[in-house]
């Protein structure tokens, strides 16, 4: 997963134009990627827009909602779809 591409999307969504918050945002992005790959068993791919946007949206949520442990319904639904899509039977 291209963390710099995700960082650019997250910063655009948050309206951040400087690099001051990059040292805080990059570990959040790395943590989201690690959690999705290691705990959910999903192989994230930079060439899949749905993967890139999910990581960006999840990282933006983590940044903006530090004190709220409840994952929004739209992120739960998208994560479920990624898990189901990863484990589909052919």
Protein backbone atom coordinates (compact mmCIF):
# COMPACT_ATOMS: atom_id res chain seq x y z
CA UNK A 1 0.00 0.00 0.00
CA UNK A 2 1.38 3.42 -0.99
CA UNK A 3 1.31 5.32 2.31
CA UNK A 4 2.25 8.63 0.66
CA UNK A 5 -0.75 8.42 -1.69
CA UNK A 6 -3.03 7.68 1.26
CA UNK A 7 -1.44 10.54 3.20
CA UNK A 8 -2.24 12.95 0.37
CA UNK A 9 -5.89 11.87 0.34
CA UNK A 10 -6.22 12.11 4.13
CA UNK A 11 -4.64 15.56 4.18
CA UNK A 12 -6.98 16.73 1.42
CA UNK A 13 -10.02 15.49 3.33
CA UNK A 14 -8.83 17.23 6.49
CA UNK A 15 -7.86 20.45 4.71
CA UNK A 16 -4.21 20.15 5.75
CA UNK A 17 -1.78 21.77 3.33
CA UNK A 18 1.47 21.71 5.29
CA UNK A 19 3.68 18.79 6.32
CA UNK A 20 3.50 19.59 10.03
CA UNK A 21 1.01 16.77 10.83
CA UNK A 22 2.70 14.16 8.60
CA UNK A 23 4.67 12.70 11.52
CA UNK A 24 1.36 12.09 13.30
CA UNK A 25 -0.69 10.98 10.29
CA UNK A 26 1.81 8.47 8.85
CA UNK A 27 1.82 6.21 11.96
CA UNK A 28 -1.99 6.29 11.95
CA UNK A 29 -2.00 5.20 8.30
CA UNK A 30 0.61 2.51 9.00
CA UNK A 31 -1.42 1.26 11.95
CA UNK A 32 -4.60 1.06 9.89
CA UNK A 33 -2.81 -0.87 7.13
CA UNK A 34 -1.20 -3.23 9.65
CA UNK A 35 -4.49 -3.84 11.44
CA UNK A 36 -6.37 -4.59 8.23
CA UNK A 37 -3.68 -6.91 6.89
CA UNK A 38 -2.75 -8.71 10.11
CA UNK A 39 -6.05 -8.89 11.99
CA UNK A 40 -8.49 -9.09 9.09
CA UNK A 41 -6.27 -11.06 6.70
CA UNK A 42 -6.83 -8.69 3.79
CA UNK A 43 -4.03 -8.14 1.29
CA UNK A 44 -4.25 -4.43 0.48
CA UNK A 45 -3.32 -3.35 -3.03
CA UNK A 46 -2.35 0.17 -4.09
CA UNK A 47 -3.88 -0.36 -7.54
CA UNK A 48 -7.35 -0.93 -6.08
CA UNK A 49 -9.16 2.38 -5.51
CA UNK A 50 -11.54 0.79 -3.00
CA UNK A 51 -8.58 -0.33 -0.88
CA UNK A 52 -6.85 3.05 -1.04
CA UNK A 53 -10.03 4.96 -0.19
CA UNK A 54 -10.95 2.62 2.65
CA UNK A 55 -7.52 3.06 4.26
CA UNK A 56 -7.76 6.85 3.77
CA UNK A 57 -11.28 7.01 5.25
CA UNK A 58 -10.35 4.76 8.18
CA UNK A 59 -7.19 6.79 8.91
CA UNK A 60 -9.15 10.06 8.70
CA UNK A 61 -11.69 8.63 11.15
CA UNK A 62 -8.90 7.57 13.54
CA UNK A 63 -7.33 11.03 13.37
CA UNK A 64 -10.61 12.90 13.88
CA UNK A 65 -12.18 10.64 16.52
CA UNK A 66 -9.46 9.87 19.02
CA UNK A 67 -11.89 9.53 21.93
CA UNK A 68 -14.72 7.66 20.18
CA UNK A 69 -14.14 3.89 19.99
CA UNK A 70 -17.28 3.24 17.92
CA UNK A 71 -16.49 2.56 14.27
CA UNK A 72 -19.01 4.31 12.00
CA UNK A 73 -21.49 2.05 10.26
CA UNK A 74 -20.24 2.88 6.76
CA UNK A 75 -16.70 1.82 7.71
CA UNK A 76 -17.99 -1.37 9.35
CA UNK A 77 -19.95 -2.22 6.22
CA UNK A 78 -17.02 -1.52 3.89
CA UNK A 79 -14.63 -3.55 6.08
CA UNK A 80 -17.08 -6.45 6.07
CA UNK A 81 -17.27 -6.29 2.27
CA UNK A 82 -13.46 -6.28 2.02
CA UNK A 83 -13.23 -9.33 4.30
CA UNK A 84 -15.94 -11.18 2.38
CA UNK A 85 -14.36 -10.24 -0.95
CA UNK A 86 -10.95 -11.45 0.23
CA UNK A 87 -12.31 -14.83 1.28
CA UNK A 88 -14.64 -15.48 -1.66
CA UNK A 89 -14.85 -18.99 -3.05
CA UNK A 90 -14.31 -19.52 -6.75
